[in-house]
Amino acid sequence: MTEIFGAGKLLATENFEYFDVYLVVGIWYVIMIYAYTLLQKLLEKRLARRFGEEAA
């Protein structure tokens, strides 16, 4: 799987639309990080319930 920024860089150089491509890439990064953060919080809550408050 190609890194998103690398793919965006190739696309931007083909079309000379750097701002648009990097804006979309940045938005995708924010969405992925937000989803990962939510998943991490759910996992931490589940582990805290299972193993007690020491895991939190």
PDB file of N, CA and C in Angstrom:
ATOM      1  N   MET A   1       0.850  -1.178   0.000  1.00  0.00           N
ATOM      2  CA  MET A   1       0.000   0.000   0.000  1.00  0.00           C
ATOM      3  C   MET A   1       0.895   1.242   0.000  1.00  0.00           C
ATOM      4  N   THR A   2       0.679   2.086  -0.947  1.00  0.00           N
ATOM      5  CA  THR A   2       1.463   3.309  -1.061  1.00  0.00           C
ATOM      6  C   THR A   2       1.036   4.293   0.019  1.00  0.00           C
ATOM      7  N   GLU A   3       2.005   4.979   0.574  1.00  0.00           N
ATOM      8  CA  GLU A   3       1.685   5.991   1.570  1.00  0.00           C
ATOM      9  C   GLU A   3       0.820   7.070   0.929  1.00  0.00           C
ATOM     10  N   ILE A   4      -0.117   7.586   1.674  1.00  0.00           N
ATOM     11  CA  ILE A   4      -1.063   8.567   1.142  1.00  0.00           C
ATOM     12  C   ILE A   4      -0.347   9.825   0.673  1.00  0.00           C
ATOM     13  N   PHE A   5       0.610  10.284   1.457  1.00  0.00           N
ATOM     14  CA  PHE A   5       1.315  11.506   1.070  1.00  0.00           C
ATOM     15  C   PHE A   5       2.120  11.286  -0.208  1.00  0.00           C
ATOM     16  N   GLY A   6       2.738  10.128  -0.342  1.00  0.00           N
ATOM     17  CA  GLY A   6       3.496   9.818  -1.560  1.00  0.00           C
ATOM     18  C   GLY A   6       2.603   9.761  -2.787  1.00  0.00           C
ATOM     19  N   ALA A   7       1.435   9.153  -2.628  1.00  0.00           N
ATOM     20  CA  ALA A   7       0.489   9.093  -3.741  1.00  0.00           C
ATOM     21  C   ALA A   7      -0.021  10.489  -4.094  1.00  0.00           C
ATOM     22  N   GLY A   8      -0.268  11.293  -3.064  1.00  0.00           N
ATOM     23  CA  GLY A   8      -0.716  12.665  -3.305  1.00  0.00           C
ATOM     24  C   GLY A   8       0.349  13.491  -3.999  1.00  0.00           C
ATOM     25  N   LYS A   9       1.585  13.261  -3.620  1.00  0.00           N
ATOM     26  CA  LYS A   9       2.700  13.986  -4.236  1.00  0.00           C
ATOM     27  C   LYS A   9       2.791  13.667  -5.730  1.00  0.00           C
ATOM     28  N   LEU A  10       2.646  12.386  -6.076  1.00  0.00           N
ATOM     29  CA  LEU A  10       2.662  11.998  -7.488  1.00  0.00           C
ATOM     30  C   LEU A  10       1.495  12.617  -8.256  1.00  0.00           C
ATOM     31  N   LEU A  11       0.323  12.589  -7.641  1.00  0.00           N
ATOM     32  CA  LEU A  11      -0.858  13.157  -8.279  1.00  0.00           C
ATOM     33  C   LEU A  11      -0.720  14.666  -8.462  1.00  0.00           C
ATOM     34  N   ALA A  12      -0.160  15.325  -7.462  1.00  0.00           N
ATOM     35  CA  ALA A  12       0.006  16.787  -7.530  1.00  0.00           C
ATOM     36  C   ALA A  12       0.992  17.177  -8.629  1.00  0.00           C
ATOM     37  N   THR A  13       2.053  16.405  -8.798  1.00  0.00           N
ATOM     38  CA  THR A  13       3.030  16.745  -9.836  1.00  0.00           C
ATOM     39  C   THR A  13       2.476  16.491 -11.233  1.00  0.00           C
ATOM     40  N   GLU A  14       1.564  15.552 -11.364  1.00  0.00           N
ATOM     41  CA  GLU A  14       0.954  15.294 -12.670  1.00  0.00           C
ATOM     42  C   GLU A  14       0.001  16.420 -13.071  1.00  0.00           C
ATOM     43  N   ASN A  15      -0.749  16.949 -12.096  1.00  0.00           N
ATOM     44  CA  ASN A  15      -1.800  17.918 -12.393  1.00  0.00           C
ATOM     45  C   ASN A  15      -1.431  19.356 -12.045  1.00  0.00           C
ATOM     46  N   PHE A  16      -0.326  19.571 -11.360  1.00  0.00           N
ATOM     47  CA  PHE A  16       0.091  20.894 -10.895  1.00  0.00           C
ATOM     48  C   PHE A  16      -0.961  21.550 -10.005  1.00  0.00           C
ATOM     49  N   GLU A  17      -1.688  20.727  -9.250  1.00  0.00           N
ATOM     50  CA  GLU A  17      -2.694  21.219  -8.311  1.00  0.00           C
ATOM     51  C   GLU A  17      -2.264  20.821  -6.903  1.00  0.00           C
ATOM     52  N   TYR A  18      -1.188  21.426  -6.438  1.00  0.00           N
ATOM     53  CA  TYR A  18      -0.592  21.034  -5.171  1.00  0.00           C
ATOM     54  C   TYR A  18      -1.507  21.313  -3.990  1.00  0.00           C
ATOM     55  N   PHE A  19      -2.078  22.501  -3.930  1.00  0.00           N
ATOM     56  CA  PHE A  19      -2.907  22.874  -2.781  1.00  0.00           C
ATOM     57  C   PHE A  19      -4.095  21.932  -2.627  1.00  0.00           C
ATOM     58  N   ASP A  20      -4.804  21.673  -3.708  1.00  0.00           N
ATOM     59  CA  ASP A  20      -5.995  20.821  -3.646  1.00  0.00           C
ATOM     60  C   ASP A  20      -5.643  19.405  -3.191  1.00  0.00           C
ATOM     61  N   VAL A  21      -4.601  18.856  -3.781  1.00  0.00           N
ATOM     62  CA  VAL A  21      -4.217  17.481  -3.453  1.00  0.00           C
ATOM     63  C   VAL A  21      -3.755  17.386  -2.002  1.00  0.00           C
ATOM     64  N   TYR A  22      -2.901  18.315  -1.568  1.00  0.00           N
ATOM     65  CA  TYR A  22      -2.407  18.261  -0.197  1.00  0.00           C
ATOM     66  C   TYR A  22      -3.504  18.552   0.814  1.00  0.00           C
ATOM     67  N   LEU A  23      -4.487  19.342   0.442  1.00  0.00           N
ATOM     68  CA  LEU A  23      -5.627  19.581   1.322  1.00  0.00           C
ATOM     69  C   LEU A  23      -6.411  18.283   1.543  1.00  0.00           C
ATOM     70  N   VAL A  24      -6.671  17.561   0.474  1.00  0.00           N
ATOM     71  CA  VAL A  24      -7.395  16.294   0.585  1.00  0.00           C
ATOM     72  C   VAL A  24      -6.581  15.275   1.376  1.00  0.00           C
ATOM     73  N   VAL A  25      -5.275  15.213   1.124  1.00  0.00           N
ATOM     74  CA  VAL A  25      -4.414  14.296   1.870  1.00  0.00           C
ATOM     75  C   VAL A  25      -4.437  14.648   3.358  1.00  0.00           C
ATOM     76  N   GLY A  26      -4.380  15.921   3.676  1.00  0.00           N
ATOM     77  CA  GLY A  26      -4.437  16.349   5.075  1.00  0.00           C
ATOM     78  C   GLY A  26      -5.747  15.979   5.733  1.00  0.00           C
ATOM     79  N   ILE A  27      -6.834  16.141   5.006  1.00  0.00           N
ATOM     80  CA  ILE A  27      -8.146  15.763   5.546  1.00  0.00           C
ATOM     81  C   ILE A  27      -8.211  14.262   5.805  1.00  0.00           C
ATOM     82  N   TRP A  28      -7.667  13.460   4.893  1.00  0.00           N
ATOM     83  CA  TRP A  28      -7.646  12.008   5.091  1.00  0.00           C
ATOM     84  C   TRP A  28      -6.833  11.624   6.317  1.00  0.00           C
ATOM     85  N   TYR A  29      -5.694  12.298   6.518  1.00  0.00           N
ATOM     86  CA  TYR A  29      -4.901  12.025   7.712  1.00  0.00           C
ATOM     87  C   TYR A  29      -5.683  12.344   8.978  1.00  0.00           C
ATOM     88  N   VAL A  30      -6.381  13.473   9.000  1.00  0.00           N
ATOM     89  CA  VAL A  30      -7.163  13.850  10.181  1.00  0.00           C
ATOM     90  C   VAL A  30      -8.265  12.823  10.442  1.00  0.00           C
ATOM     91  N   ILE A  31      -8.937  12.375   9.399  1.00  0.00           N
ATOM     92  CA  ILE A  31     -10.001  11.368   9.552  1.00  0.00           C
ATOM     93  C   ILE A  31      -9.434  10.063  10.095  1.00  0.00           C
ATOM     94  N   MET A  32      -8.309   9.627   9.555  1.00  0.00           N
ATOM     95  CA  MET A  32      -7.707   8.367  10.021  1.00  0.00           C
ATOM     96  C   MET A  32      -7.245   8.471  11.469  1.00  0.00           C
ATOM     97  N   ILE A  33      -6.644   9.598  11.841  1.00  0.00           N
ATOM     98  CA  ILE A  33      -6.178   9.767  13.208  1.00  0.00           C
ATOM     99  C   ILE A  33      -7.359   9.843  14.170  1.00  0.00           C
ATOM    100  N   TYR A  34      -8.433  10.511  13.770  1.00  0.00           N
ATOM    101  CA  TYR A  34      -9.629  10.586  14.609  1.00  0.00           C
ATOM    102  C   TYR A  34     -10.224   9.192  14.832  1.00  0.00           C
ATOM    103  N   ALA A  35     -10.322   8.407  13.761  1.00  0.00           N
ATOM    104  CA  ALA A  35     -10.859   7.049  13.886  1.00  0.00           C
ATOM    105  C   ALA A  35      -9.956   6.192  14.776  1.00  0.00           C
ATOM    106  N   TYR A  36      -8.654   6.324  14.613  1.00  0.00           N
ATOM    107  CA  TYR A  36      -7.726   5.567  15.449  1.00  0.00           C
ATOM    108  C   TYR A  36      -7.858   5.968  16.909  1.00  0.00           C
ATOM    109  N   THR A  37      -8.026   7.253  17.173  1.00  0.00           N
ATOM    110  CA  THR A  37      -8.171   7.740  18.538  1.00  0.00           C
ATOM    111  C   THR A  37      -9.429   7.174  19.186  1.00  0.00           C
ATOM    112  N   LEU A  38     -10.529   7.169  18.457  1.00  0.00           N
ATOM    113  CA  LEU A  38     -11.769   6.595  19.001  1.00  0.00           C
ATOM    114  C   LEU A  38     -11.603   5.111  19.301  1.00  0.00           C
ATOM    115  N   LEU A  39     -10.978   4.398  18.391  1.00  0.00           N
ATOM    116  CA  LEU A  39     -10.734   2.966  18.582  1.00  0.00           C
ATOM    117  C   LEU A  39      -9.848   2.730  19.802  1.00  0.00           C
ATOM    118  N   GLN A  40      -8.831   3.538  19.961  1.00  0.00           N
ATOM    119  CA  GLN A  40      -7.923   3.411  21.106  1.00  0.00           C
ATOM    120  C   GLN A  40      -8.659   3.670  22.422  1.00  0.00           C
ATOM    121  N   LYS A  41      -9.528   4.666  22.457  1.00  0.00           N
ATOM    122  CA  LYS A  41     -10.287   4.958  23.678  1.00  0.00           C
ATOM    123  C   LYS A  41     -11.211   3.796  24.035  1.00  0.00           C
ATOM    124  N   LEU A  42     -11.865   3.219  23.027  1.00  0.00           N
ATOM    125  CA  LEU A  42     -12.737   2.071  23.287  1.00  0.00           C
ATOM    126  C   LEU A  42     -11.947   0.896  23.837  1.00  0.00           C
ATOM    127  N   LEU A  43     -10.788   0.646  23.272  1.00  0.00           N
ATOM    128  CA  LEU A  43      -9.941  -0.445  23.735  1.00  0.00           C
ATOM    129  C   LEU A  43      -9.477  -0.210  25.168  1.00  0.00           C
ATOM    130  N   GLU A  44      -9.089   1.012  25.490  1.00  0.00           N
ATOM    131  CA  GLU A  44      -8.653   1.325  26.848  1.00  0.00           C
ATOM    132  C   GLU A  44      -9.781   1.162  27.852  1.00  0.00           C
ATOM    133  N   LYS A  45     -10.994   1.590  27.503  1.00  0.00           N
ATOM    134  CA  LYS A  45     -12.138   1.423  28.403  1.00  0.00           C
ATOM    135  C   LYS A  45     -12.440  -0.053  28.629  1.00  0.00           C
ATOM    136  N   ARG A  46     -12.381  -0.825  27.564  1.00  0.00           N
ATOM    137  CA  ARG A  46     -12.666  -2.259  27.673  1.00  0.00           C
ATOM    138  C   ARG A  46     -11.627  -2.951  28.556  1.00  0.00           C
ATOM    139  N   LEU A  47     -10.370  -2.605  28.359  1.00  0.00           N
ATOM    140  CA  LEU A  47      -9.320  -3.209  29.176  1.00  0.00           C
ATOM    141  C   LEU A  47      -9.414  -2.757  30.630  1.00  0.00           C
ATOM    142  N   ALA A  48      -9.806  -1.512  30.857  1.00  0.00           N
ATOM    143  CA  ALA A  48      -9.950  -1.020  32.228  1.00  0.00           C
ATOM    144  C   ALA A  48     -11.068  -1.761  32.949  1.00  0.00           C
ATOM    145  N   ARG A  49     -12.159  -2.028  32.248  1.00  0.00           N
ATOM    146  CA  ARG A  49     -13.262  -2.788  32.860  1.00  0.00           C
ATOM    147  C   ARG A  49     -12.827  -4.213  33.154  1.00  0.00           C
ATOM    148  N   ARG A  50     -12.047  -4.785  32.242  1.00  0.00           N
ATOM    149  CA  ARG A  50     -11.679  -6.188  32.382  1.00  0.00           C
ATOM    150  C   ARG A  50     -10.615  -6.406  33.458  1.00  0.00           C
ATOM    151  N   PHE A  51      -9.642  -5.513  33.518  1.00  0.00           N
ATOM    152  CA  PHE A  51      -8.516  -5.727  34.436  1.00  0.00           C
ATOM    153  C   PHE A  51      -8.511  -4.762  35.619  1.00  0.00           C
ATOM    154  N   GLY A  52      -9.512  -3.964  35.747  1.00  0.00           N
ATOM    155  CA  GLY A  52      -9.570  -3.030  36.862  1.00  0.00           C
ATOM    156  C   GLY A  52      -9.032  -1.670  36.479  1.00  0.00           C
ATOM    157  N   GLU A  53      -9.021  -0.781  37.405  1.00  0.00           N
ATOM    158  CA  GLU A  53      -8.633   0.603  37.142  1.00  0.00           C
ATOM    159  C   GLU A  53      -7.124   0.781  36.956  1.00  0.00           C
ATOM    160  N   GLU A  54      -6.309  -0.236  37.253  1.00  0.00           N
ATOM    161  CA  GLU A  54      -4.864  -0.108  37.086  1.00  0.00           C
ATOM    162  C   GLU A  54      -4.487   0.059  35.624  1.00  0.00           C
ATOM    163  N   ALA A  55      -5.296  -0.484  34.681  1.00  0.00           N
ATOM    164  CA  ALA A  55      -4.991  -0.423  33.263  1.00  0.00           C
ATOM    165  C   ALA A  55      -5.311   0.948  32.679  1.00  0.00           C
ATOM    166  N   ALA A  56      -6.125   1.745  33.348  1.00  0.00           N
ATOM    167  CA  ALA A  56      -6.546   3.049  32.826  1.00  0.00           C
ATOM    168  C   ALA A  56      -5.520   4.103  32.981  1.00  0.00           C
TER     169      ALA A  56
END
